[in-house]
Amino acid sequence: MIDFRSDTVTRPTPEMLKAMFAAEVGDDVFGDDPTVNALEQKVASMFGMESALFCASGTMANQVAIKAHTQPGDEVICHKLSHVYYYEGGGIAMNSGASVCLLEGDRGRITATDVAAHINPPNDPHRPLTRLVSVENTMNKGGGSLYDFNELQTIGKVCRDKGLKFHLDGARLFNALVETDETPGDYGQLFDSISICISKGLGAPVGSVLIGSREFIWKARRIRKVFGGGMRQAGYLAAACIYALDNHVERLREDHRRAKQLQDILNSLPYIQGVVPVQTNLVFFSLKPEMTTERFLKTLRENNIFALALAPQEVRFVTHLDITDEMMEKVEKVLRSLK
């Protein structure tokens, strides 16, 4: 099976499984799972932030952060295609009772100018209080697009000047980090909170981590409990995350190389309308009308290749650690055989 649907479909490597089985565990709700504690300390230290919280998913980490930063009736500024709004089940409304101000932006990236223009006057009782700005890097719906760090710094300055909190949905942040000159510490200095997902390109079976100040994470831990997110012997999962952070970050470059290889193949095919320029491990492309999405995906499935339809005539491939060069050769052969 060659599965391009997402980088969440990865399975633990044999070495990761060994680390999981060898994990020392306790009860994380009581705070005495040593492996969970070690993961949280590791990630907080990596980003130069005070504290961290292990969560079951990226959605949980983001939604906990938003609730910790806001009060019901406040407003969150984000891009209209951002994961926190588009793919988290209406969680901002349901969990936090917050309003959302949705911005346009190139490939899912907002600018400091647009943020500044959409901050509501705090003394206007007719409008919600702008409280939080959320950005996503890399940007999923932008085709794995990367933010320019200088722009993020400028947005951060706007937030500080206006007394707003600044959150990063960094589900695929390590994909960005291996392509740029920035470090986790650079991001830790800029944001009030960061969520990172370790079950995507890094290949852990479960887990995301929310990072912030000690006071923020204390509040977030209580919210996680309310959300039903308290886990018990979670050290088995945390051990997989530690292994992933130690061993799977630099290899993300291989995923990016294969994604760019797919881009080149797709651009050479007569039934492809266009490919969004590839920056990381996401490949978004559109099909010409004569090649329907149904037929395209059916042919792939018949060859044991799986991909995801985003919209009529739009498809996504995602590369990850379970994709090999031998698989890529088969995929190219199948793609070129389509008429």
C-alpha atoms as a PDB file:
ATOM      1  CA  MET A   1       0.000   0.000   0.000  1.00  0.00           C
ATOM      2  CA  ILE A   2       1.317   3.409  -1.031  1.00  0.00           C
ATOM      3  CA  ASP A   3      -0.603   5.919   1.053  1.00  0.00           C
ATOM      4  CA  PHE A   4      -0.369   9.603   0.133  1.00  0.00           C
ATOM      5  CA  ARG A   5      -3.561  10.628   1.961  1.00  0.00           C
ATOM      6  CA  SER A   6      -1.691  12.274   4.838  1.00  0.00           C
ATOM      7  CA  ASP A   7       1.501  12.159   6.873  1.00  0.00           C
ATOM      8  CA  THR A   8      -0.681  10.998   9.775  1.00  0.00           C
ATOM      9  CA  VAL A   9      -0.904   7.468   8.324  1.00  0.00           C
ATOM     10  CA  THR A  10       2.654   6.555   9.340  1.00  0.00           C
ATOM     11  CA  ARG A  11       3.296   3.579  11.589  1.00  0.00           C
ATOM     12  CA  PRO A  12       5.973   3.329  14.282  1.00  0.00           C
ATOM     13  CA  THR A  13       9.322   2.087  13.056  1.00  0.00           C
ATOM     14  CA  PRO A  14      10.774  -1.030  14.751  1.00  0.00           C
ATOM     15  CA  GLU A  15      13.182   1.195  16.694  1.00  0.00           C
ATOM     16  CA  MET A  16      10.333   3.427  17.841  1.00  0.00           C
ATOM     17  CA  LEU A  17       8.363   0.399  19.000  1.00  0.00           C
ATOM     18  CA  LYS A  18      11.349  -0.738  21.060  1.00  0.00           C
ATOM     19  CA  ALA A  19      11.479   2.682  22.725  1.00  0.00           C
ATOM     20  CA  MET A  20       7.753   2.497  23.463  1.00  0.00           C
ATOM     21  CA  PHE A  21       7.947  -0.978  25.027  1.00  0.00           C
ATOM     22  CA  ALA A  22      10.915   0.102  27.143  1.00  0.00           C
ATOM     23  CA  ALA A  23       9.206   3.242  28.480  1.00  0.00           C
ATOM     24  CA  GLU A  24       8.912   3.831  32.192  1.00  0.00           C
ATOM     25  CA  VAL A  25       5.350   4.915  32.960  1.00  0.00           C
ATOM     26  CA  GLY A  26       3.182   6.268  35.755  1.00  0.00           C
ATOM     27  CA  ASP A  27      -0.138   8.112  35.943  1.00  0.00           C
ATOM     28  CA  ASP A  28       0.077  11.367  34.020  1.00  0.00           C
ATOM     29  CA  VAL A  29      -3.087  12.792  35.596  1.00  0.00           C
ATOM     30  CA  PHE A  30      -1.265  12.613  38.914  1.00  0.00           C
ATOM     31  CA  GLY A  31       1.804  14.067  37.184  1.00  0.00           C
ATOM     32  CA  ASP A  32       3.995  11.068  37.868  1.00  0.00           C
ATOM     33  CA  ASP A  33       4.518   9.527  34.429  1.00  0.00           C
ATOM     34  CA  PRO A  34       8.283  10.075  34.064  1.00  0.00           C
ATOM     35  CA  THR A  35       8.328   9.674  30.286  1.00  0.00           C
ATOM     36  CA  VAL A  36       5.551  12.205  29.732  1.00  0.00           C
ATOM     37  CA  ASN A  37       7.359  14.594  32.088  1.00  0.00           C
ATOM     38  CA  ALA A  38      10.593  14.044  30.158  1.00  0.00           C
ATOM     39  CA  LEU A  39       8.860  14.797  26.835  1.00  0.00           C
ATOM     40  CA  GLU A  40       7.299  17.979  28.166  1.00  0.00           C
ATOM     41  CA  GLN A  41      10.599  19.169  29.614  1.00  0.00           C
ATOM     42  CA  LYS A  42      12.434  18.277  26.410  1.00  0.00           C
ATOM     43  CA  VAL A  43      10.081  20.239  24.171  1.00  0.00           C
ATOM     44  CA  ALA A  44       9.896  23.257  26.478  1.00  0.00           C
ATOM     45  CA  SER A  45      13.692  23.387  26.628  1.00  0.00           C
ATOM     46  CA  MET A  46      13.989  22.955  22.862  1.00  0.00           C
ATOM     47  CA  PHE A  47      11.839  26.062  22.281  1.00  0.00           C
ATOM     48  CA  GLY A  48      13.289  28.028  25.202  1.00  0.00           C
ATOM     49  CA  MET A  49       9.877  28.231  26.851  1.00  0.00           C
ATOM     50  CA  GLU A  50       8.979  27.542  30.467  1.00  0.00           C
ATOM     51  CA  SER A  51       6.577  24.633  30.252  1.00  0.00           C
ATOM     52  CA  ALA A  52       4.735  22.206  27.984  1.00  0.00           C
ATOM     53  CA  LEU A  53       1.682  19.945  27.974  1.00  0.00           C
ATOM     54  CA  PHE A  54       1.292  16.598  26.197  1.00  0.00           C
ATOM     55  CA  CYS A  55      -2.013  16.388  24.297  1.00  0.00           C
ATOM     56  CA  ALA A  56      -3.757  13.645  22.372  1.00  0.00           C
ATOM     57  CA  SER A  57      -3.925  15.599  19.105  1.00  0.00           C
ATOM     58  CA  GLY A  58      -3.059  18.844  17.378  1.00  0.00           C
ATOM     59  CA  THR A  59      -6.707  19.856  17.469  1.00  0.00           C
ATOM     60  CA  MET A  60      -6.781  19.397  21.237  1.00  0.00           C
ATOM     61  CA  ALA A  61      -3.586  21.417  21.671  1.00  0.00           C
ATOM     62  CA  ASN A  62      -4.904  24.268  19.526  1.00  0.00           C
ATOM     63  CA  GLN A  63      -8.327  24.327  21.145  1.00  0.00           C
ATOM     64  CA  VAL A  64      -6.891  24.226  24.652  1.00  0.00           C
ATOM     65  CA  ALA A  65      -4.636  27.151  23.736  1.00  0.00           C
ATOM     66  CA  ILE A  66      -7.468  29.226  22.304  1.00  0.00           C
ATOM     67  CA  LYS A  67      -9.643  28.665  25.375  1.00  0.00           C
ATOM     68  CA  ALA A  68      -6.737  29.540  27.679  1.00  0.00           C
ATOM     69  CA  HIS A  69      -6.117  32.798  25.818  1.00  0.00           C
ATOM     70  CA  THR A  70      -9.727  33.993  25.420  1.00  0.00           C
ATOM     71  CA  GLN A  71     -13.014  34.596  27.176  1.00  0.00           C
ATOM     72  CA  PRO A  72     -16.455  33.982  25.616  1.00  0.00           C
ATOM     73  CA  GLY A  73     -17.254  36.842  23.259  1.00  0.00           C
ATOM     74  CA  ASP A  74     -13.620  37.611  22.439  1.00  0.00           C
ATOM     75  CA  GLU A  75     -12.386  37.451  18.862  1.00  0.00           C
ATOM     76  CA  VAL A  76      -9.634  35.387  17.230  1.00  0.00           C
ATOM     77  CA  ILE A  77      -7.908  36.603  14.059  1.00  0.00           C
ATOM     78  CA  CYS A  78      -6.754  33.890  11.659  1.00  0.00           C
ATOM     79  CA  HIS A  79      -6.694  33.006   7.977  1.00  0.00           C
ATOM     80  CA  LYS A  80      -9.991  31.760   6.538  1.00  0.00           C
ATOM     81  CA  LEU A  81      -8.382  28.399   5.660  1.00  0.00           C
ATOM     82  CA  SER A  82      -6.466  27.926   8.898  1.00  0.00           C
ATOM     83  CA  HIS A  83      -6.750  24.534  10.555  1.00  0.00           C
ATOM     84  CA  VAL A  84      -8.004  26.005  13.852  1.00  0.00           C
ATOM     85  CA  TYR A  85     -11.067  27.312  11.986  1.00  0.00           C
ATOM     86  CA  TYR A  86     -11.486  25.098   8.918  1.00  0.00           C
ATOM     87  CA  TYR A  87     -10.683  21.617  10.230  1.00  0.00           C
ATOM     88  CA  GLU A  88     -11.404  21.585  13.963  1.00  0.00           C
ATOM     89  CA  GLY A  89     -15.146  20.986  13.968  1.00  0.00           C
ATOM     90  CA  GLY A  90     -16.235  24.477  14.983  1.00  0.00           C
ATOM     91  CA  GLY A  91     -14.178  24.114  18.134  1.00  0.00           C
ATOM     92  CA  ILE A  92     -13.525  27.829  18.590  1.00  0.00           C
ATOM     93  CA  ALA A  93     -17.276  28.450  18.874  1.00  0.00           C
ATOM     94  CA  MET A  94     -18.116  25.306  20.815  1.00  0.00           C
ATOM     95  CA  ASN A  95     -15.223  25.232  23.251  1.00  0.00           C
ATOM     96  CA  SER A  96     -14.377  28.904  23.733  1.00  0.00           C
ATOM     97  CA  GLY A  97     -17.499  30.801  22.704  1.00  0.00           C
ATOM     98  CA  ALA A  98     -15.245  33.103  20.713  1.00  0.00           C
ATOM     99  CA  SER A  99     -15.869  34.994  17.508  1.00  0.00           C
ATOM    100  CA  VAL A 100     -13.509  34.613  14.553  1.00  0.00           C
ATOM    101  CA  CYS A 101     -12.214  37.280  12.171  1.00  0.00           C
ATOM    102  CA  LEU A 102     -11.195  35.507   8.959  1.00  0.00           C
ATOM    103  CA  LEU A 103      -8.499  37.048   6.766  1.00  0.00           C
ATOM    104  CA  GLU A 104      -7.500  36.464   3.164  1.00  0.00           C
ATOM    105  CA  GLY A 105      -3.857  35.852   2.331  1.00  0.00           C
ATOM    106  CA  ASP A 106      -1.491  34.292  -0.175  1.00  0.00           C
ATOM    107  CA  ARG A 107      -1.492  30.499   0.230  1.00  0.00           C
ATOM    108  CA  GLY A 108      -2.958  30.750   3.716  1.00  0.00           C
ATOM    109  CA  ARG A 109      -0.509  33.314   5.073  1.00  0.00           C
ATOM    110  CA  ILE A 110      -1.712  36.522   6.698  1.00  0.00           C
ATOM    111  CA  THR A 111       0.270  39.754   7.001  1.00  0.00           C
ATOM    112  CA  ALA A 112       0.928  42.208   9.796  1.00  0.00           C
ATOM    113  CA  THR A 113      -0.810  44.906   7.779  1.00  0.00           C
ATOM    114  CA  ASP A 114      -4.003  42.874   7.537  1.00  0.00           C
ATOM    115  CA  VAL A 115      -3.863  41.938  11.220  1.00  0.00           C
ATOM    116  CA  ALA A 116      -3.470  45.581  12.256  1.00  0.00           C
ATOM    117  CA  ALA A 117      -6.378  46.580  10.016  1.00  0.00           C
ATOM    118  CA  HIS A 118      -8.740  44.054  11.625  1.00  0.00           C
ATOM    119  CA  ILE A 119      -8.131  44.686  15.326  1.00  0.00           C
ATOM    120  CA  ASN A 120     -11.374  45.994  16.786  1.00  0.00           C
ATOM    121  CA  PRO A 121     -11.332  49.214  18.848  1.00  0.00           C
ATOM    122  CA  PRO A 122     -11.421  48.029  22.485  1.00  0.00           C
ATOM    123  CA  ASN A 123     -13.738  50.860  23.483  1.00  0.00           C
ATOM    124  CA  ASP A 124     -16.423  49.979  20.913  1.00  0.00           C
ATOM    125  CA  PRO A 125     -19.157  47.987  22.728  1.00  0.00           C
ATOM    126  CA  HIS A 126     -20.700  46.888  19.429  1.00  0.00           C
ATOM    127  CA  ARG A 127     -17.767  44.731  18.420  1.00  0.00           C
ATOM    128  CA  PRO A 128     -16.002  41.766  20.044  1.00  0.00           C
ATOM    129  CA  LEU A 129     -12.721  42.314  21.824  1.00  0.00           C
ATOM    130  CA  THR A 130      -9.825  41.187  19.658  1.00  0.00           C
ATOM    131  CA  ARG A 131      -7.779  38.958  21.926  1.00  0.00           C
ATOM    132  CA  LEU A 132      -5.730  36.459  19.925  1.00  0.00           C
ATOM    133  CA  VAL A 133      -3.960  36.091  16.573  1.00  0.00           C
ATOM    134  CA  SER A 134      -3.325  32.548  15.299  1.00  0.00           C
ATOM    135  CA  VAL A 135      -1.074  31.589  12.388  1.00  0.00           C
ATOM    136  CA  GLU A 136      -0.190  28.192  10.901  1.00  0.00           C
ATOM    137  CA  ASN A 137       3.291  27.186   9.719  1.00  0.00           C
ATOM    138  CA  THR A 138       3.551  25.254   7.493  1.00  0.00           C
ATOM    139  CA  MET A 139       0.121  26.092   6.122  1.00  0.00           C
ATOM    140  CA  ASN A 140      -1.796  22.945   5.230  1.00  0.00           C
ATOM    141  CA  LYS A 141      -4.432  24.468   2.921  1.00  0.00           C
ATOM    142  CA  GLY A 142      -1.724  26.623   1.375  1.00  0.00           C
ATOM    143  CA  GLY A 143      -0.041  23.500   0.034  1.00  0.00           C
ATOM    144  CA  GLY A 144       2.536  23.295   2.804  1.00  0.00           C
ATOM    145  CA  SER A 145       3.546  26.926   2.320  1.00  0.00           C
ATOM    146  CA  LEU A 146       6.168  28.542   4.542  1.00  0.00           C
ATOM    147  CA  TYR A 147       5.901  31.846   6.379  1.00  0.00           C
ATOM    148  CA  ASP A 148       8.699  34.365   6.050  1.00  0.00           C
ATOM    149  CA  PHE A 149       9.973  34.660   9.611  1.00  0.00           C
ATOM    150  CA  ASN A 150      10.403  38.422   9.263  1.00  0.00           C
ATOM    151  CA  GLU A 151       6.671  38.703   8.590  1.00  0.00           C
ATOM    152  CA  LEU A 152       5.929  36.601  11.664  1.00  0.00           C
ATOM    153  CA  GLN A 153       8.117  38.920  13.716  1.00  0.00           C
ATOM    154  CA  THR A 154       6.207  41.928  12.383  1.00  0.00           C
ATOM    155  CA  ILE A 155       2.867  40.303  13.241  1.00  0.00           C
ATOM    156  CA  GLY A 156       4.265  39.570  16.698  1.00  0.00           C
ATOM    157  CA  LYS A 157       5.131  43.235  17.177  1.00  0.00           C
ATOM    158  CA  VAL A 158       1.593  44.244  16.224  1.00  0.00           C
ATOM    159  CA  CYS A 159       0.262  41.783  18.793  1.00  0.00           C
ATOM    160  CA  ARG A 160       2.533  43.075  21.544  1.00  0.00           C
ATOM    161  CA  ASP A 161       1.762  46.719  20.758  1.00  0.00           C
ATOM    162  CA  LYS A 162      -1.971  46.017  20.890  1.00  0.00           C
ATOM    163  CA  GLY A 163      -1.887  43.695  23.905  1.00  0.00           C
ATOM    164  CA  LEU A 164      -2.907  40.603  21.930  1.00  0.00           C
ATOM    165  CA  LYS A 165      -1.756  37.016  22.399  1.00  0.00           C
ATOM    166  CA  PHE A 166       0.032  35.276  19.520  1.00  0.00           C
ATOM    167  CA  HIS A 167      -0.471  31.528  18.900  1.00  0.00           C
ATOM    168  CA  LEU A 168       1.281  29.272  16.403  1.00  0.00           C
ATOM    169  CA  ASP A 169      -0.350  26.156  15.042  1.00  0.00           C
ATOM    170  CA  GLY A 170       2.951  24.442  14.339  1.00  0.00           C
ATOM    171  CA  ALA A 171       1.552  21.036  13.402  1.00  0.00           C
ATOM    172  CA  ARG A 172       4.205  20.824  10.670  1.00  0.00           C
ATOM    173  CA  LEU A 173       6.631  23.363  12.121  1.00  0.00           C
ATOM    174  CA  PHE A 174       9.605  21.007  11.871  1.00  0.00           C
ATOM    175  CA  ASN A 175       8.962  20.762   8.137  1.00  0.00           C
ATOM    176  CA  ALA A 176       9.448  24.524   8.074  1.00  0.00           C
ATOM    177  CA  LEU A 177      12.504  24.462  10.314  1.00  0.00           C
ATOM    178  CA  VAL A 178      14.482  22.056   8.124  1.00  0.00           C
ATOM    179  CA  GLU A 179      13.903  24.366   5.135  1.00  0.00           C
ATOM    180  CA  THR A 180      14.845  27.666   6.805  1.00  0.00           C
ATOM    181  CA  ASP A 181      17.540  29.199   9.006  1.00  0.00           C
ATOM    182  CA  GLU A 182      15.332  29.601  12.093  1.00  0.00           C
ATOM    183  CA  THR A 183      15.538  27.447  15.211  1.00  0.00           C
ATOM    184  CA  PRO A 184      12.856  26.286  17.667  1.00  0.00           C
ATOM    185  CA  GLY A 185      14.245  28.881  20.071  1.00  0.00           C
ATOM    186  CA  ASP A 186      13.545  31.668  17.577  1.00  0.00           C
ATOM    187  CA  TYR A 187       9.888  30.650  17.545  1.00  0.00           C
ATOM    188  CA  GLY A 188       9.791  30.283  21.313  1.00  0.00           C
ATOM    189  CA  GLN A 189      10.845  33.907  21.740  1.00  0.00           C
ATOM    190  CA  LEU A 190       8.136  35.142  19.368  1.00  0.00           C
ATOM    191  CA  PHE A 191       4.941  33.314  20.338  1.00  0.00           C
ATOM    192  CA  ASP A 192       2.891  33.173  23.521  1.00  0.00           C
ATOM    193  CA  SER A 193       1.950  29.593  22.729  1.00  0.00           C
ATOM    194  CA  ILE A 194       2.958  26.965  20.175  1.00  0.00           C
ATOM    195  CA  SER A 195       1.422  23.614  19.333  1.00  0.00           C
ATOM    196  CA  ILE A 196       3.545  20.999  17.581  1.00  0.00           C
ATOM    197  CA  CYS A 197       2.269  17.687  16.226  1.00  0.00           C
ATOM    198  CA  ILE A 198       4.566  14.684  16.488  1.00  0.00           C
ATOM    199  CA  SER A 199       2.216  12.214  14.786  1.00  0.00           C
ATOM    200  CA  LYS A 200       2.551  13.746  11.315  1.00  0.00           C
ATOM    201  CA  GLY A 201       5.880  13.858   9.502  1.00  0.00           C
ATOM    202  CA  LEU A 202       7.826  12.932  12.610  1.00  0.00           C
ATOM    203  CA  GLY A 203       6.009   9.611  12.645  1.00  0.00           C
ATOM    204  CA  ALA A 204       4.825   9.061  16.224  1.00  0.00           C
ATOM    205  CA  PRO A 205       1.518   7.147  16.455  1.00  0.00           C
ATOM    206  CA  VAL A 206      -0.199   9.716  18.714  1.00  0.00           C
ATOM    207  CA  GLY A 207       0.599  13.054  20.269  1.00  0.00           C
ATOM    208  CA  SER A 208       1.010  16.803  20.128  1.00  0.00           C
ATOM    209  CA  VAL A 209       2.634  19.183  22.587  1.00  0.00           C
ATOM    210  CA  LEU A 210       1.459  22.637  23.633  1.00  0.00           C
ATOM    211  CA  ILE A 211       4.200  25.004  24.809  1.00  0.00           C
ATOM    212  CA  GLY A 212       4.084  28.300  26.687  1.00  0.00           C
ATOM    213  CA  SER A 213       4.753  30.033  29.973  1.00  0.00           C
ATOM    214  CA  ARG A 214       4.430  28.193  33.273  1.00  0.00           C
ATOM    215  CA  GLU A 215       1.265  30.108  34.134  1.00  0.00           C
ATOM    216  CA  PHE A 216      -0.263  29.471  30.704  1.00  0.00           C
ATOM    217  CA  ILE A 217       0.442  25.724  30.805  1.00  0.00           C
ATOM    218  CA  TRP A 218      -0.976  25.463  34.337  1.00  0.00           C
ATOM    219  CA  LYS A 219      -4.205  26.929  32.985  1.00  0.00           C
ATOM    220  CA  ALA A 220      -4.006  24.753  29.856  1.00  0.00           C
ATOM    221  CA  ARG A 221      -3.612  21.598  31.958  1.00  0.00           C
ATOM    222  CA  ARG A 222      -6.868  22.353  33.731  1.00  0.00           C
ATOM    223  CA  ILE A 223      -8.619  22.949  30.402  1.00  0.00           C
ATOM    224  CA  ARG A 224      -7.220  19.693  29.010  1.00  0.00           C
ATOM    225  CA  LYS A 225      -8.785  17.916  31.984  1.00  0.00           C
ATOM    226  CA  VAL A 226     -12.161  19.550  31.290  1.00  0.00           C
ATOM    227  CA  PHE A 227     -11.885  18.474  27.653  1.00  0.00           C
ATOM    228  CA  GLY A 228     -11.405  14.880  28.818  1.00  0.00           C
ATOM    229  CA  GLY A 229      -7.767  14.895  27.783  1.00  0.00           C
ATOM    230  CA  GLY A 230      -6.188  13.552  30.948  1.00  0.00           C
ATOM    231  CA  MET A 231      -4.293  10.371  30.024  1.00  0.00           C
ATOM    232  CA  ARG A 232      -2.956   7.746  32.411  1.00  0.00           C
ATOM    233  CA  GLN A 233       0.060   5.614  31.404  1.00  0.00           C
ATOM    234  CA  ALA A 234       0.705   7.882  28.440  1.00  0.00           C
ATOM    235  CA  GLY A 235       4.463   7.379  28.700  1.00  0.00           C
ATOM    236  CA  TYR A 236       4.295   4.665  26.037  1.00  0.00           C
ATOM    237  CA  LEU A 237       3.076   7.331  23.600  1.00  0.00           C
ATOM    238  CA  ALA A 238       5.455   9.970  24.925  1.00  0.00           C
ATOM    239  CA  ALA A 239       8.380   7.601  24.375  1.00  0.00           C
ATOM    240  CA  ALA A 240       7.477   7.400  20.690  1.00  0.00           C
ATOM    241  CA  CYS A 241       7.411  11.206  20.539  1.00  0.00           C
ATOM    242  CA  ILE A 242      10.841  11.485  22.195  1.00  0.00           C
ATOM    243  CA  TYR A 243      12.235   8.952  19.737  1.00  0.00           C
ATOM    244  CA  ALA A 244      10.713  10.895  16.820  1.00  0.00           C
ATOM    245  CA  LEU A 245      12.215  14.196  17.969  1.00  0.00           C
ATOM    246  CA  ASP A 246      15.626  12.574  18.394  1.00  0.00           C
ATOM    247  CA  ASN A 247      15.670  10.639  15.133  1.00  0.00           C
ATOM    248  CA  HIS A 248      13.127  11.856  12.583  1.00  0.00           C
ATOM    249  CA  VAL A 249      13.577  15.612  12.227  1.00  0.00           C
ATOM    250  CA  GLU A 250      16.411  15.807   9.688  1.00  0.00           C
ATOM    251  CA  ARG A 251      14.917  13.011   7.602  1.00  0.00           C
ATOM    252  CA  LEU A 252      11.975  15.322   6.806  1.00  0.00           C
ATOM    253  CA  ARG A 253      14.222  16.555   3.989  1.00  0.00           C
ATOM    254  CA  GLU A 254      13.653  13.202   2.275  1.00  0.00           C
ATOM    255  CA  ASP A 255       9.898  13.805   2.321  1.00  0.00           C
ATOM    256  CA  HIS A 256      10.417  17.232   0.778  1.00  0.00           C
ATOM    257  CA  ARG A 257      12.689  15.784  -1.913  1.00  0.00           C
ATOM    258  CA  ARG A 258      10.078  13.206  -2.863  1.00  0.00           C
ATOM    259  CA  ALA A 259       7.319  15.848  -2.855  1.00  0.00           C
ATOM    260  CA  LYS A 260       9.320  17.947  -5.314  1.00  0.00           C
ATOM    261  CA  GLN A 261       9.905  14.820  -7.402  1.00  0.00           C
ATOM    262  CA  LEU A 262       6.119  14.336  -7.538  1.00  0.00           C
ATOM    263  CA  GLN A 263       5.737  17.980  -8.548  1.00  0.00           C
ATOM    264  CA  ASP A 264       8.078  17.465 -11.504  1.00  0.00           C
ATOM    265  CA  ILE A 265       6.274  14.294 -12.584  1.00  0.00           C
ATOM    266  CA  LEU A 266       2.829  15.882 -12.333  1.00  0.00           C
ATOM    267  CA  ASN A 267       3.901  18.985 -14.244  1.00  0.00           C
ATOM    268  CA  SER A 268       4.920  16.767 -17.156  1.00  0.00           C
ATOM    269  CA  LEU A 269       1.555  14.988 -17.462  1.00  0.00           C
ATOM    270  CA  PRO A 270      -1.000  16.112 -20.069  1.00  0.00           C
ATOM    271  CA  TYR A 271      -4.051  15.677 -17.803  1.00  0.00           C
ATOM    272  CA  ILE A 272      -2.728  17.914 -15.019  1.00  0.00           C
ATOM    273  CA  GLN A 273      -4.092  21.469 -14.968  1.00  0.00           C
ATOM    274  CA  GLY A 274      -1.543  22.817 -12.492  1.00  0.00           C
ATOM    275  CA  VAL A 275       0.535  22.076  -9.412  1.00  0.00           C
ATOM    276  CA  VAL A 276       0.871  24.415  -6.444  1.00  0.00           C
ATOM    277  CA  PRO A 277       4.617  25.111  -6.036  1.00  0.00           C
ATOM    278  CA  VAL A 278       5.971  22.611  -3.526  1.00  0.00           C
ATOM    279  CA  GLN A 279       7.870  23.951  -0.514  1.00  0.00           C
ATOM    280  CA  THR A 280       7.657  21.063   1.943  1.00  0.00           C
ATOM    281  CA  ASN A 281       5.879  17.684   1.920  1.00  0.00           C
ATOM    282  CA  LEU A 282       2.412  18.613   0.610  1.00  0.00           C
ATOM    283  CA  VAL A 283       1.607  18.402  -3.101  1.00  0.00           C
ATOM    284  CA  PHE A 284      -1.622  20.083  -4.203  1.00  0.00           C
ATOM    285  CA  PHE A 285      -2.644  19.782  -7.850  1.00  0.00           C
ATOM    286  CA  SER A 286      -5.654  20.124 -10.128  1.00  0.00           C
ATOM    287  CA  LEU A 287      -6.859  17.864 -12.934  1.00  0.00           C
ATOM    288  CA  LYS A 288      -8.074  18.964 -16.351  1.00  0.00           C
ATOM    289  CA  PRO A 289     -11.820  18.456 -16.947  1.00  0.00           C
ATOM    290  CA  GLU A 290     -11.294  15.383 -19.131  1.00  0.00           C
ATOM    291  CA  MET A 291      -9.701  13.550 -16.174  1.00  0.00           C
ATOM    292  CA  THR A 292     -12.284  13.333 -13.399  1.00  0.00           C
ATOM    293  CA  THR A 293     -11.180  13.071  -9.790  1.00  0.00           C
ATOM    294  CA  GLU A 294     -13.232   9.885  -9.403  1.00  0.00           C
ATOM    295  CA  ARG A 295     -11.504   8.174 -12.293  1.00  0.00           C
ATOM    296  CA  PHE A 296      -8.068   9.394 -11.235  1.00  0.00           C
ATOM    297  CA  LEU A 297      -8.385   8.123  -7.656  1.00  0.00           C
ATOM    298  CA  LYS A 298     -10.041   4.871  -8.778  1.00  0.00           C
ATOM    299  CA  THR A 299      -7.101   4.092 -11.051  1.00  0.00           C
ATOM    300  CA  LEU A 300      -4.679   4.822  -8.209  1.00  0.00           C
ATOM    301  CA  ARG A 301      -6.624   2.565  -5.831  1.00  0.00           C
ATOM    302  CA  GLU A 302      -6.567  -0.253  -8.390  1.00  0.00           C
ATOM    303  CA  ASN A 303      -2.787  -0.005  -8.145  1.00  0.00           C
ATOM    304  CA  ASN A 304      -2.827   0.124  -4.342  1.00  0.00           C
ATOM    305  CA  ILE A 305      -2.043   3.869  -4.290  1.00  0.00           C
ATOM    306  CA  PHE A 306      -4.170   6.169  -2.145  1.00  0.00           C
ATOM    307  CA  ALA A 307      -4.584   9.957  -2.268  1.00  0.00           C
ATOM    308  CA  LEU A 308      -7.071  12.523  -1.014  1.00  0.00           C
ATOM    309  CA  ALA A 309      -9.569  14.592  -3.015  1.00  0.00           C
ATOM    310  CA  LEU A 310      -9.828  18.132  -1.661  1.00  0.00           C
ATOM    311  CA  ALA A 311     -12.522  19.389  -4.046  1.00  0.00           C
ATOM    312  CA  PRO A 312     -13.814  18.584  -7.541  1.00  0.00           C
ATOM    313  CA  GLN A 313     -10.719  18.253  -9.767  1.00  0.00           C
ATOM    314  CA  GLU A 314      -8.345  18.914  -6.850  1.00  0.00           C
ATOM    315  CA  VAL A 315      -6.113  16.267  -5.248  1.00  0.00           C
ATOM    316  CA  ARG A 316      -3.472  16.187  -2.505  1.00  0.00           C
ATOM    317  CA  PHE A 317      -0.446  13.943  -2.121  1.00  0.00           C
ATOM    318  CA  VAL A 318       1.496  14.006   1.159  1.00  0.00           C
ATOM    319  CA  THR A 319       4.925  12.397   1.460  1.00  0.00           C
ATOM    320  CA  HIS A 320       6.128  10.856   4.727  1.00  0.00           C
ATOM    321  CA  LEU A 321       8.537   8.362   6.238  1.00  0.00           C
ATOM    322  CA  ASP A 322       6.634   5.313   4.961  1.00  0.00           C
ATOM    323  CA  ILE A 323       7.142   6.374   1.327  1.00  0.00           C
ATOM    324  CA  THR A 324      10.237   4.874  -0.301  1.00  0.00           C
ATOM    325  CA  ASP A 325      12.065   5.519  -3.564  1.00  0.00           C
ATOM    326  CA  GLU A 326      10.840   2.150  -4.852  1.00  0.00           C
ATOM    327  CA  MET A 327       7.271   3.265  -4.203  1.00  0.00           C
ATOM    328  CA  MET A 328       7.958   6.510  -6.035  1.00  0.00           C
ATOM    329  CA  GLU A 329       9.063   4.554  -9.097  1.00  0.00           C
ATOM    330  CA  LYS A 330       5.794   2.621  -9.117  1.00  0.00           C
ATOM    331  CA  VAL A 331       3.742   5.799  -8.636  1.00  0.00           C
ATOM    332  CA  GLU A 332       5.481   7.494 -11.562  1.00  0.00           C
ATOM    333  CA  LYS A 333       4.824   4.468 -13.774  1.00  0.00           C
ATOM    334  CA  VAL A 334       1.111   4.465 -12.869  1.00  0.00           C
ATOM    335  CA  LEU A 335       0.728   8.213 -13.317  1.00  0.00           C
ATOM    336  CA  ARG A 336       2.370   8.099 -16.748  1.00  0.00           C
ATOM    337  CA  SER A 337       0.178   5.191 -17.820  1.00  0.00           C
ATOM    338  CA  LEU A 338      -3.006   7.252 -17.402  1.00  0.00           C
ATOM    339  CA  LYS A 339      -4.456   8.618 -20.629  1.00  0.00           C
END
